[in-house]
Amino acid sequence: FDPRFDLVEVVDAQGIEEGARVLNDWF
């Protein structure tokens, strides 16, 4: 695992239901 990326896609139109989990990951 390498966290040295610039952007994380919190929401996309193909995975709306995943948004809350990714938002928590980003926090």
mmCIF file of all heavy atoms, coordinates in Angstrom:
data_MODEL
# 
_entry.id   MODEL 
# 
loop_
_atom_site.group_PDB 
_atom_site.id 
_atom_site.type_symbol 
_atom_site.label_atom_id 
_atom_site.label_alt_id 
_atom_site.label_comp_id 
_atom_site.label_asym_id 
_atom_site.label_entity_id 
_atom_site.label_seq_id 
_atom_site.pdbx_PDB_ins_code 
_atom_site.Cartn_x 
_atom_site.Cartn_y 
_atom_site.Cartn_z 
_atom_site.occupancy 
_atom_site.B_iso_or_equiv 
_atom_site.pdbx_formal_charge 
_atom_site.auth_seq_id 
_atom_site.auth_comp_id 
_atom_site.auth_asym_id 
_atom_site.auth_atom_id 
_atom_site.pdbx_PDB_model_num 
ATOM 1   N N   . PHE A 1 1  ? 0.837   -1.194 0.000   1.00 0.00 ? 1  PHE A N   1 
ATOM 2   C CA  . PHE A 1 1  ? 0.000   0.000  0.000   1.00 0.00 ? 1  PHE A CA  1 
ATOM 3   C C   . PHE A 1 1  ? 0.871   1.242  0.000   1.00 0.00 ? 1  PHE A C   1 
ATOM 4   O O   . PHE A 1 1  ? 1.757   1.409  0.835   1.00 0.00 ? 1  PHE A O   1 
ATOM 5   C CB  . PHE A 1 1  ? -0.933  0.030  1.212   1.00 0.00 ? 1  PHE A CB  1 
ATOM 6   C CG  . PHE A 1 1  ? -1.798  1.259  1.260   1.00 0.00 ? 1  PHE A CG  1 
ATOM 7   C CD1 . PHE A 1 1  ? -2.801  1.443  0.333   1.00 0.00 ? 1  PHE A CD1 1 
ATOM 8   C CD2 . PHE A 1 1  ? -1.580  2.246  2.215   1.00 0.00 ? 1  PHE A CD2 1 
ATOM 9   C CE1 . PHE A 1 1  ? -3.596  2.586  0.357   1.00 0.00 ? 1  PHE A CE1 1 
ATOM 10  C CE2 . PHE A 1 1  ? -2.375  3.391  2.250   1.00 0.00 ? 1  PHE A CE2 1 
ATOM 11  C CZ  . PHE A 1 1  ? -3.384  3.555  1.316   1.00 0.00 ? 1  PHE A CZ  1 
ATOM 12  N N   . ASP A 1 2  ? 0.611   2.130  -0.941  1.00 0.00 ? 2  ASP A N   1 
ATOM 13  C CA  . ASP A 1 2  ? 1.363   3.378  -1.059  1.00 0.00 ? 2  ASP A CA  1 
ATOM 14  C C   . ASP A 1 2  ? 0.359   4.525  -1.118  1.00 0.00 ? 2  ASP A C   1 
ATOM 15  O O   . ASP A 1 2  ? -0.463  4.595  -2.035  1.00 0.00 ? 2  ASP A O   1 
ATOM 16  C CB  . ASP A 1 2  ? 2.216   3.371  -2.323  1.00 0.00 ? 2  ASP A CB  1 
ATOM 17  C CG  . ASP A 1 2  ? 3.252   4.483  -2.334  1.00 0.00 ? 2  ASP A CG  1 
ATOM 18  O OD1 . ASP A 1 2  ? 2.898   5.615  -1.934  1.00 0.00 ? 2  ASP A OD1 1 
ATOM 19  O OD2 . ASP A 1 2  ? 4.396   4.250  -2.748  1.00 0.00 ? 2  ASP A OD2 1 
ATOM 20  N N   . PRO A 1 3  ? 0.388   5.448  -0.148  1.00 0.00 ? 3  PRO A N   1 
ATOM 21  C CA  . PRO A 1 3  ? -0.575  6.552  -0.113  1.00 0.00 ? 3  PRO A CA  1 
ATOM 22  C C   . PRO A 1 3  ? -0.122  7.800  -0.864  1.00 0.00 ? 3  PRO A C   1 
ATOM 23  O O   . PRO A 1 3  ? -0.737  8.851  -0.726  1.00 0.00 ? 3  PRO A O   1 
ATOM 24  C CB  . PRO A 1 3  ? -0.675  6.840  1.390   1.00 0.00 ? 3  PRO A CB  1 
ATOM 25  C CG  . PRO A 1 3  ? 0.696   6.547  1.900   1.00 0.00 ? 3  PRO A CG  1 
ATOM 26  C CD  . PRO A 1 3  ? 1.239   5.415  1.054   1.00 0.00 ? 3  PRO A CD  1 
ATOM 27  N N   . ARG A 1 4  ? 0.901   7.694  -1.683  1.00 0.00 ? 4  ARG A N   1 
ATOM 28  C CA  . ARG A 1 4  ? 1.457   8.877  -2.343  1.00 0.00 ? 4  ARG A CA  1 
ATOM 29  C C   . ARG A 1 4  ? 0.747   9.187  -3.664  1.00 0.00 ? 4  ARG A C   1 
ATOM 30  O O   . ARG A 1 4  ? 1.377   9.442  -4.682  1.00 0.00 ? 4  ARG A O   1 
ATOM 31  C CB  . ARG A 1 4  ? 2.952   8.694  -2.576  1.00 0.00 ? 4  ARG A CB  1 
ATOM 32  C CG  . ARG A 1 4  ? 3.796   8.629  -1.299  1.00 0.00 ? 4  ARG A CG  1 
ATOM 33  C CD  . ARG A 1 4  ? 5.241   8.355  -1.619  1.00 0.00 ? 4  ARG A CD  1 
ATOM 34  N NE  . ARG A 1 4  ? 5.387   7.097  -2.338  1.00 0.00 ? 4  ARG A NE  1 
ATOM 35  C CZ  . ARG A 1 4  ? 6.366   6.825  -3.200  1.00 0.00 ? 4  ARG A CZ  1 
ATOM 36  N NH1 . ARG A 1 4  ? 7.280   7.757  -3.448  1.00 0.00 ? 4  ARG A NH1 1 
ATOM 37  N NH2 . ARG A 1 4  ? 6.430   5.651  -3.806  1.00 0.00 ? 4  ARG A NH2 1 
ATOM 38  N N   . PHE A 1 5  ? -0.579  9.184  -3.624  1.00 0.00 ? 5  PHE A N   1 
ATOM 39  C CA  . PHE A 1 5  ? -1.362  9.633  -4.772  1.00 0.00 ? 5  PHE A CA  1 
ATOM 40  C C   . PHE A 1 5  ? -1.880  11.035 -4.472  1.00 0.00 ? 5  PHE A C   1 
ATOM 41  O O   . PHE A 1 5  ? -1.799  11.513 -3.330  1.00 0.00 ? 5  PHE A O   1 
ATOM 42  C CB  . PHE A 1 5  ? -2.501  8.652  -5.069  1.00 0.00 ? 5  PHE A CB  1 
ATOM 43  C CG  . PHE A 1 5  ? -3.236  8.163  -3.858  1.00 0.00 ? 5  PHE A CG  1 
ATOM 44  C CD1 . PHE A 1 5  ? -4.288  8.881  -3.315  1.00 0.00 ? 5  PHE A CD1 1 
ATOM 45  C CD2 . PHE A 1 5  ? -2.851  6.975  -3.226  1.00 0.00 ? 5  PHE A CD2 1 
ATOM 46  C CE1 . PHE A 1 5  ? -4.955  8.432  -2.181  1.00 0.00 ? 5  PHE A CE1 1 
ATOM 47  C CE2 . PHE A 1 5  ? -3.511  6.517  -2.097  1.00 0.00 ? 5  PHE A CE2 1 
ATOM 48  C CZ  . PHE A 1 5  ? -4.564  7.248  -1.571  1.00 0.00 ? 5  PHE A CZ  1 
ATOM 49  N N   . ASP A 1 6  ? -2.421  11.699 -5.485  1.00 0.00 ? 6  ASP A N   1 
ATOM 50  C CA  . ASP A 1 6  ? -2.832  13.097 -5.334  1.00 0.00 ? 6  ASP A CA  1 
ATOM 51  C C   . ASP A 1 6  ? -4.328  13.248 -5.079  1.00 0.00 ? 6  ASP A C   1 
ATOM 52  O O   . ASP A 1 6  ? -4.745  14.112 -4.303  1.00 0.00 ? 6  ASP A O   1 
ATOM 53  C CB  . ASP A 1 6  ? -2.464  13.883 -6.600  1.00 0.00 ? 6  ASP A CB  1 
ATOM 54  C CG  . ASP A 1 6  ? -0.994  13.794 -6.929  1.00 0.00 ? 6  ASP A CG  1 
ATOM 55  O OD1 . ASP A 1 6  ? -0.199  14.366 -6.168  1.00 0.00 ? 6  ASP A OD1 1 
ATOM 56  O OD2 . ASP A 1 6  ? -0.643  13.142 -7.938  1.00 0.00 ? 6  ASP A OD2 1 
ATOM 57  N N   . LEU A 1 7  ? -5.128  12.441 -5.761  1.00 0.00 ? 7  LEU A N   1 
ATOM 58  C CA  . LEU A 1 7  ? -6.575  12.550 -5.706  1.00 0.00 ? 7  LEU A CA  1 
ATOM 59  C C   . LEU A 1 7  ? -7.181  11.183 -5.408  1.00 0.00 ? 7  LEU A C   1 
ATOM 60  O O   . LEU A 1 7  ? -6.651  10.156 -5.842  1.00 0.00 ? 7  LEU A O   1 
ATOM 61  C CB  . LEU A 1 7  ? -7.153  13.051 -7.039  1.00 0.00 ? 7  LEU A CB  1 
ATOM 62  C CG  . LEU A 1 7  ? -6.530  14.284 -7.681  1.00 0.00 ? 7  LEU A CG  1 
ATOM 63  C CD1 . LEU A 1 7  ? -7.149  14.545 -9.057  1.00 0.00 ? 7  LEU A CD1 1 
ATOM 64  C CD2 . LEU A 1 7  ? -6.698  15.502 -6.794  1.00 0.00 ? 7  LEU A CD2 1 
ATOM 65  N N   . VAL A 1 8  ? -8.281  11.183 -4.688  1.00 0.00 ? 8  VAL A N   1 
ATOM 66  C CA  . VAL A 1 8  ? -9.035  9.950  -4.482  1.00 0.00 ? 8  VAL A CA  1 
ATOM 67  C C   . VAL A 1 8  ? -10.473 10.219 -4.905  1.00 0.00 ? 8  VAL A C   1 
ATOM 68  O O   . VAL A 1 8  ? -11.085 11.214 -4.494  1.00 0.00 ? 8  VAL A O   1 
ATOM 69  C CB  . VAL A 1 8  ? -8.956  9.441  -3.021  1.00 0.00 ? 8  VAL A CB  1 
ATOM 70  C CG1 . VAL A 1 8  ? -9.445  10.479 -2.027  1.00 0.00 ? 8  VAL A CG1 1 
ATOM 71  C CG2 . VAL A 1 8  ? -9.743  8.151  -2.867  1.00 0.00 ? 8  VAL A CG2 1 
ATOM 72  N N   . GLU A 1 9  ? -10.986 9.346  -5.747  1.00 0.00 ? 9  GLU A N   1 
ATOM 73  C CA  . GLU A 1 9  ? -12.336 9.489  -6.270  1.00 0.00 ? 9  GLU A CA  1 
ATOM 74  C C   . GLU A 1 9  ? -13.329 9.038  -5.195  1.00 0.00 ? 9  GLU A C   1 
ATOM 75  O O   . GLU A 1 9  ? -13.593 7.852  -5.044  1.00 0.00 ? 9  GLU A O   1 
ATOM 76  C CB  . GLU A 1 9  ? -12.459 8.630  -7.532  1.00 0.00 ? 9  GLU A CB  1 
ATOM 77  C CG  . GLU A 1 9  ? -13.575 8.992  -8.451  1.00 0.00 ? 9  GLU A CG  1 
ATOM 78  C CD  . GLU A 1 9  ? -13.503 8.174  -9.716  1.00 0.00 ? 9  GLU A CD  1 
ATOM 79  O OE1 . GLU A 1 9  ? -13.660 6.931  -9.635  1.00 0.00 ? 9  GLU A OE1 1 
ATOM 80  O OE2 . GLU A 1 9  ? -13.275 8.743  -10.801 1.00 0.00 ? 9  GLU A OE2 1 
ATOM 81  N N   . VAL A 1 10 ? -13.863 10.001 -4.459  1.00 0.00 ? 10 VAL A N   1 
ATOM 82  C CA  . VAL A 1 10 ? -14.801 9.683  -3.377  1.00 0.00 ? 10 VAL A CA  1 
ATOM 83  C C   . VAL A 1 10 ? -16.137 9.227  -3.938  1.00 0.00 ? 10 VAL A C   1 
ATOM 84  O O   . VAL A 1 10 ? -16.788 8.331  -3.394  1.00 0.00 ? 10 VAL A O   1 
ATOM 85  C CB  . VAL A 1 10 ? -14.976 10.907 -2.452  1.00 0.00 ? 10 VAL A CB  1 
ATOM 86  C CG1 . VAL A 1 10 ? -16.127 10.710 -1.473  1.00 0.00 ? 10 VAL A CG1 1 
ATOM 87  C CG2 . VAL A 1 10 ? -13.674 11.160 -1.682  1.00 0.00 ? 10 VAL A CG2 1 
ATOM 88  N N   . VAL A 1 11 ? -16.566 9.832  -5.050  1.00 0.00 ? 11 VAL A N   1 
ATOM 89  C CA  . VAL A 1 11 ? -17.858 9.501  -5.653  1.00 0.00 ? 11 VAL A CA  1 
ATOM 90  C C   . VAL A 1 11 ? -17.689 9.368  -7.160  1.00 0.00 ? 11 VAL A C   1 
ATOM 91  O O   . VAL A 1 11 ? -16.987 10.155 -7.787  1.00 0.00 ? 11 VAL A O   1 
ATOM 92  C CB  . VAL A 1 11 ? -18.907 10.591 -5.370  1.00 0.00 ? 11 VAL A CB  1 
ATOM 93  C CG1 . VAL A 1 11 ? -20.284 10.165 -5.879  1.00 0.00 ? 11 VAL A CG1 1 
ATOM 94  C CG2 . VAL A 1 11 ? -18.998 10.915 -3.887  1.00 0.00 ? 11 VAL A CG2 1 
ATOM 95  N N   . ASP A 1 12 ? -18.335 8.343  -7.742  1.00 0.00 ? 12 ASP A N   1 
ATOM 96  C CA  . ASP A 1 12 ? -18.490 8.284  -9.190  1.00 0.00 ? 12 ASP A CA  1 
ATOM 97  C C   . ASP A 1 12 ? -19.870 7.713  -9.495  1.00 0.00 ? 12 ASP A C   1 
ATOM 98  O O   . ASP A 1 12 ? -20.496 7.088  -8.644  1.00 0.00 ? 12 ASP A O   1 
ATOM 99  C CB  . ASP A 1 12 ? -17.378 7.453  -9.850  1.00 0.00 ? 12 ASP A CB  1 
ATOM 100 C CG  . ASP A 1 12 ? -17.555 5.965  -9.659  1.00 0.00 ? 12 ASP A CG  1 
ATOM 101 O OD1 . ASP A 1 12 ? -17.316 5.470  -8.534  1.00 0.00 ? 12 ASP A OD1 1 
ATOM 102 O OD2 . ASP A 1 12 ? -17.937 5.290  -10.625 1.00 0.00 ? 12 ASP A OD2 1 
ATOM 103 N N   . ALA A 1 13 ? -20.356 7.945  -10.706 1.00 0.00 ? 13 ALA A N   1 
ATOM 104 C CA  . ALA A 1 13 ? -21.739 7.604  -11.042 1.00 0.00 ? 13 ALA A CA  1 
ATOM 105 C C   . ALA A 1 13 ? -21.981 6.100  -11.111 1.00 0.00 ? 13 ALA A C   1 
ATOM 106 O O   . ALA A 1 13 ? -23.132 5.665  -11.120 1.00 0.00 ? 13 ALA A O   1 
ATOM 107 C CB  . ALA A 1 13 ? -22.136 8.255  -12.366 1.00 0.00 ? 13 ALA A CB  1 
ATOM 108 N N   . GLN A 1 14 ? -20.920 5.311  -11.158 1.00 0.00 ? 14 GLN A N   1 
ATOM 109 C CA  . GLN A 1 14 ? -21.105 3.860  -11.215 1.00 0.00 ? 14 GLN A CA  1 
ATOM 110 C C   . GLN A 1 14 ? -21.087 3.219  -9.829  1.00 0.00 ? 14 GLN A C   1 
ATOM 111 O O   . GLN A 1 14 ? -21.371 2.041  -9.687  1.00 0.00 ? 14 GLN A O   1 
ATOM 112 C CB  . GLN A 1 14 ? -20.004 3.201  -12.069 1.00 0.00 ? 14 GLN A CB  1 
ATOM 113 C CG  . GLN A 1 14 ? -19.521 3.996  -13.268 1.00 0.00 ? 14 GLN A CG  1 
ATOM 114 C CD  . GLN A 1 14 ? -20.626 4.510  -14.159 1.00 0.00 ? 14 GLN A CD  1 
ATOM 115 O OE1 . GLN A 1 14 ? -21.621 3.830  -14.371 1.00 0.00 ? 14 GLN A OE1 1 
ATOM 116 N NE2 . GLN A 1 14 ? -20.460 5.711  -14.669 1.00 0.00 ? 14 GLN A NE2 1 
ATOM 117 N N   . GLY A 1 15 ? -20.736 3.989  -8.802  1.00 0.00 ? 15 GLY A N   1 
ATOM 118 C CA  . GLY A 1 15 ? -20.634 3.408  -7.461  1.00 0.00 ? 15 GLY A CA  1 
ATOM 119 C C   . GLY A 1 15 ? -21.102 4.363  -6.389  1.00 0.00 ? 15 GLY A C   1 
ATOM 120 O O   . GLY A 1 15 ? -20.397 4.612  -5.406  1.00 0.00 ? 15 GLY A O   1 
ATOM 121 N N   . ILE A 1 16 ? -22.308 4.895  -6.571  1.00 0.00 ? 16 ILE A N   1 
ATOM 122 C CA  . ILE A 1 16 ? -22.839 5.868  -5.630  1.00 0.00 ? 16 ILE A CA  1 
ATOM 123 C C   . ILE A 1 16 ? -22.877 5.295  -4.209  1.00 0.00 ? 16 ILE A C   1 
ATOM 124 O O   . ILE A 1 16 ? -22.572 5.966  -3.222  1.00 0.00 ? 16 ILE A O   1 
ATOM 125 C CB  . ILE A 1 16 ? -24.247 6.314  -6.058  1.00 0.00 ? 16 ILE A CB  1 
ATOM 126 C CG1 . ILE A 1 16 ? -24.201 7.011  -7.429  1.00 0.00 ? 16 ILE A CG1 1 
ATOM 127 C CG2 . ILE A 1 16 ? -24.885 7.211  -5.018  1.00 0.00 ? 16 ILE A CG2 1 
ATOM 128 C CD1 . ILE A 1 16 ? -23.380 8.269  -7.450  1.00 0.00 ? 16 ILE A CD1 1 
ATOM 129 N N   . GLU A 1 17 ? -23.236 3.997  -4.125  1.00 0.00 ? 17 GLU A N   1 
ATOM 130 C CA  . GLU A 1 17 ? -23.403 3.395  -2.802  1.00 0.00 ? 17 GLU A CA  1 
ATOM 131 C C   . GLU A 1 17 ? -22.080 3.253  -2.049  1.00 0.00 ? 17 GLU A C   1 
ATOM 132 O O   . GLU A 1 17 ? -22.075 3.045  -0.840  1.00 0.00 ? 17 GLU A O   1 
ATOM 133 C CB  . GLU A 1 17 ? -24.076 2.016  -2.935  1.00 0.00 ? 17 GLU A CB  1 
ATOM 134 C CG  . GLU A 1 17 ? -23.251 0.946  -3.629  1.00 0.00 ? 17 GLU A CG  1 
ATOM 135 C CD  . GLU A 1 17 ? -23.201 1.056  -5.145  1.00 0.00 ? 17 GLU A CD  1 
ATOM 136 O OE1 . GLU A 1 17 ? -23.922 1.909  -5.707  1.00 0.00 ? 17 GLU A OE1 1 
ATOM 137 O OE2 . GLU A 1 17 ? -22.443 0.298  -5.772  1.00 0.00 ? 17 GLU A OE2 1 
ATOM 138 N N   . GLU A 1 18 ? -20.948 3.362  -2.739  1.00 0.00 ? 18 GLU A N   1 
ATOM 139 C CA  . GLU A 1 18 ? -19.645 3.216  -2.089  1.00 0.00 ? 18 GLU A CA  1 
ATOM 140 C C   . GLU A 1 18 ? -19.132 4.535  -1.494  1.00 0.00 ? 18 GLU A C   1 
ATOM 141 O O   . GLU A 1 18 ? -18.144 4.548  -0.767  1.00 0.00 ? 18 GLU A O   1 
ATOM 142 C CB  . GLU A 1 18 ? -18.621 2.707  -3.112  1.00 0.00 ? 18 GLU A CB  1 
ATOM 143 C CG  . GLU A 1 18 ? -18.978 1.356  -3.711  1.00 0.00 ? 18 GLU A CG  1 
ATOM 144 C CD  . GLU A 1 18 ? -18.303 1.138  -5.059  1.00 0.00 ? 18 GLU A CD  1 
ATOM 145 O OE1 . GLU A 1 18 ? -17.420 1.933  -5.422  1.00 0.00 ? 18 GLU A OE1 1 
ATOM 146 O OE2 . GLU A 1 18 ? -18.683 0.177  -5.751  1.00 0.00 ? 18 GLU A OE2 1 
ATOM 147 N N   . GLY A 1 19 ? -19.810 5.652  -1.810  1.00 0.00 ? 19 GLY A N   1 
ATOM 148 C CA  . GLY A 1 19 ? -19.296 6.963  -1.468  1.00 0.00 ? 19 GLY A CA  1 
ATOM 149 C C   . GLY A 1 19 ? -19.037 7.169  0.013   1.00 0.00 ? 19 GLY A C   1 
ATOM 150 O O   . GLY A 1 19 ? -18.005 7.728  0.402   1.00 0.00 ? 19 GLY A O   1 
ATOM 151 N N   . ALA A 1 20 ? -19.960 6.719  0.880   1.00 0.00 ? 20 ALA A N   1 
ATOM 152 C CA  . ALA A 1 20 ? -19.800 6.939  2.321   1.00 0.00 ? 20 ALA A CA  1 
ATOM 153 C C   . ALA A 1 20 ? -18.559 6.240  2.856   1.00 0.00 ? 20 ALA A C   1 
ATOM 154 O O   . ALA A 1 20 ? -17.834 6.787  3.704   1.00 0.00 ? 20 ALA A O   1 
ATOM 155 C CB  . ALA A 1 20 ? -21.044 6.468  3.063   1.00 0.00 ? 20 ALA A CB  1 
ATOM 156 N N   . ARG A 1 21 ? -18.291 5.026  2.366   1.00 0.00 ? 21 ARG A N   1 
ATOM 157 C CA  . ARG A 1 21 ? -17.108 4.286  2.837   1.00 0.00 ? 21 ARG A CA  1 
ATOM 158 C C   . ARG A 1 21 ? -15.825 4.976  2.392   1.00 0.00 ? 21 ARG A C   1 
ATOM 159 O O   . ARG A 1 21 ? -14.864 5.082  3.159   1.00 0.00 ? 21 ARG A O   1 
ATOM 160 C CB  . ARG A 1 21 ? -17.143 2.854  2.316   1.00 0.00 ? 21 ARG A CB  1 
ATOM 161 C CG  . ARG A 1 21 ? -18.263 1.998  2.874   1.00 0.00 ? 21 ARG A CG  1 
ATOM 162 C CD  . ARG A 1 21 ? -18.101 0.558  2.448   1.00 0.00 ? 21 ARG A CD  1 
ATOM 163 N NE  . ARG A 1 21 ? -16.933 -0.053 3.056   1.00 0.00 ? 21 ARG A NE  1 
ATOM 164 C CZ  . ARG A 1 21 ? -16.424 -1.232 2.672   1.00 0.00 ? 21 ARG A CZ  1 
ATOM 165 N NH1 . ARG A 1 21 ? -16.972 -1.907 1.691   1.00 0.00 ? 21 ARG A NH1 1 
ATOM 166 N NH2 . ARG A 1 21 ? -15.368 -1.721 3.272   1.00 0.00 ? 21 ARG A NH2 1 
ATOM 167 N N   . VAL A 1 22 ? -15.810 5.440  1.137   1.00 0.00 ? 22 VAL A N   1 
ATOM 168 C CA  . VAL A 1 22 ? -14.596 6.096  0.635   1.00 0.00 ? 22 VAL A CA  1 
ATOM 169 C C   . VAL A 1 22 ? -14.383 7.440  1.318   1.00 0.00 ? 22 VAL A C   1 
ATOM 170 O O   . VAL A 1 22 ? -13.247 7.830  1.601   1.00 0.00 ? 22 VAL A O   1 
ATOM 171 C CB  . VAL A 1 22 ? -14.663 6.258  -0.896  1.00 0.00 ? 22 VAL A CB  1 
ATOM 172 C CG1 . VAL A 1 22 ? -13.380 6.897  -1.418  1.00 0.00 ? 22 VAL A CG1 1 
ATOM 173 C CG2 . VAL A 1 22 ? -14.873 4.907  -1.575  1.00 0.00 ? 22 VAL A CG2 1 
ATOM 174 N N   . LEU A 1 23 ? -15.473 8.142  1.616   1.00 0.00 ? 23 LEU A N   1 
ATOM 175 C CA  . LEU A 1 23 ? -15.354 9.396  2.364   1.00 0.00 ? 23 LEU A CA  1 
ATOM 176 C C   . LEU A 1 23 ? -14.693 9.143  3.712   1.00 0.00 ? 23 LEU A C   1 
ATOM 177 O O   . LEU A 1 23 ? -13.799 9.896  4.136   1.00 0.00 ? 23 LEU A O   1 
ATOM 178 C CB  . LEU A 1 23 ? -16.740 10.015 2.553   1.00 0.00 ? 23 LEU A CB  1 
ATOM 179 C CG  . LEU A 1 23 ? -16.791 11.385 3.236   1.00 0.00 ? 23 LEU A CG  1 
ATOM 180 C CD1 . LEU A 1 23 ? -16.083 12.443 2.397   1.00 0.00 ? 23 LEU A CD1 1 
ATOM 181 C CD2 . LEU A 1 23 ? -18.233 11.787 3.518   1.00 0.00 ? 23 LEU A CD2 1 
ATOM 182 N N   . ASN A 1 24 ? -15.086 8.078  4.389   1.00 0.00 ? 24 ASN A N   1 
ATOM 183 C CA  . ASN A 1 24 ? -14.469 7.714  5.667   1.00 0.00 ? 24 ASN A CA  1 
ATOM 184 C C   . ASN A 1 24 ? -12.983 7.380  5.485   1.00 0.00 ? 24 ASN A C   1 
ATOM 185 O O   . ASN A 1 24 ? -12.143 7.792  6.298   1.00 0.00 ? 24 ASN A O   1 
ATOM 186 C CB  . ASN A 1 24 ? -15.212 6.518  6.265   1.00 0.00 ? 24 ASN A CB  1 
ATOM 187 C CG  . ASN A 1 24 ? -14.681 6.125  7.624   1.00 0.00 ? 24 ASN A CG  1 
ATOM 188 O OD1 . ASN A 1 24 ? -14.750 6.884  8.568   1.00 0.00 ? 24 ASN A OD1 1 
ATOM 189 N ND2 . ASN A 1 24 ? -14.151 4.910  7.722   1.00 0.00 ? 24 ASN A ND2 1 
ATOM 190 N N   . ASP A 1 25 ? -12.658 6.658  4.408   1.00 0.00 ? 25 ASP A N   1 
ATOM 191 C CA  . ASP A 1 25 ? -11.247 6.358  4.113   1.00 0.00 ? 25 ASP A CA  1 
ATOM 192 C C   . ASP A 1 25 ? -10.445 7.635  3.931   1.00 0.00 ? 25 ASP A C   1 
ATOM 193 O O   . ASP A 1 25 ? -9.311  7.762  4.423   1.00 0.00 ? 25 ASP A O   1 
ATOM 194 C CB  . ASP A 1 25 ? -11.139 5.516  2.833   1.00 0.00 ? 25 ASP A CB  1 
ATOM 195 C CG  . ASP A 1 25 ? -11.732 4.124  2.974   1.00 0.00 ? 25 ASP A CG  1 
ATOM 196 O OD1 . ASP A 1 25 ? -11.686 3.560  4.079   1.00 0.00 ? 25 ASP A OD1 1 
ATOM 197 O OD2 . ASP A 1 25 ? -12.240 3.594  1.960   1.00 0.00 ? 25 ASP A OD2 1 
ATOM 198 N N   . TRP A 1 26 ? -11.023 8.578  3.202   1.00 0.00 ? 26 TRP A N   1 
ATOM 199 C CA  . TRP A 1 26 ? -10.328 9.845  2.940   1.00 0.00 ? 26 TRP A CA  1 
ATOM 200 C C   . TRP A 1 26 ? -10.091 10.614 4.236   1.00 0.00 ? 26 TRP A C   1 
ATOM 201 O O   . TRP A 1 26 ? -9.010  11.161 4.452   1.00 0.00 ? 26 TRP A O   1 
ATOM 202 C CB  . TRP A 1 26 ? -11.142 10.666 1.947   1.00 0.00 ? 26 TRP A CB  1 
ATOM 203 C CG  . TRP A 1 26 ? -10.565 12.009 1.635   1.00 0.00 ? 26 TRP A CG  1 
ATOM 204 C CD1 . TRP A 1 26 ? -9.291  12.288 1.209   1.00 0.00 ? 26 TRP A CD1 1 
ATOM 205 C CD2 . TRP A 1 26 ? -11.240 13.273 1.710   1.00 0.00 ? 26 TRP A CD2 1 
ATOM 206 N NE1 . TRP A 1 26 ? -9.140  13.645 1.020   1.00 0.00 ? 26 TRP A NE1 1 
ATOM 207 C CE2 . TRP A 1 26 ? -10.313 14.265 1.317   1.00 0.00 ? 26 TRP A CE2 1 
ATOM 208 C CE3 . TRP A 1 26 ? -12.535 13.648 2.056   1.00 0.00 ? 26 TRP A CE3 1 
ATOM 209 C CZ2 . TRP A 1 26 ? -10.654 15.621 1.267   1.00 0.00 ? 26 TRP A CZ2 1 
ATOM 210 C CZ3 . TRP A 1 26 ? -12.864 14.992 2.002   1.00 0.00 ? 26 TRP A CZ3 1 
ATOM 211 C CH2 . TRP A 1 26 ? -11.933 15.958 1.620   1.00 0.00 ? 26 TRP A CH2 1 
ATOM 212 N N   . PHE A 1 27 ? -11.088 10.643 5.119   1.00 0.00 ? 27 PHE A N   1 
ATOM 213 C CA  . PHE A 1 27 ? -10.905 11.306 6.409   1.00 0.00 ? 27 PHE A CA  1 
ATOM 214 C C   . PHE A 1 27 ? -9.730  10.691 7.170   1.00 0.00 ? 27 PHE A C   1 
ATOM 215 O O   . PHE A 1 27 ? -8.940  11.406 7.803   1.00 0.00 ? 27 PHE A O   1 
ATOM 216 C CB  . PHE A 1 27 ? -12.175 11.201 7.247   1.00 0.00 ? 27 PHE A CB  1 
ATOM 217 C CG  . PHE A 1 27 ? -13.328 12.060 6.776   1.00 0.00 ? 27 PHE A CG  1 
ATOM 218 C CD1 . PHE A 1 27 ? -14.605 11.865 7.280   1.00 0.00 ? 27 PHE A CD1 1 
ATOM 219 C CD2 . PHE A 1 27 ? -13.128 13.064 5.833   1.00 0.00 ? 27 PHE A CD2 1 
ATOM 220 C CE1 . PHE A 1 27 ? -15.662 12.661 6.863   1.00 0.00 ? 27 PHE A CE1 1 
ATOM 221 C CE2 . PHE A 1 27 ? -14.184 13.857 5.397   1.00 0.00 ? 27 PHE A CE2 1 
ATOM 222 C CZ  . PHE A 1 27 ? -15.451 13.660 5.929   1.00 0.00 ? 27 PHE A CZ  1 
# 
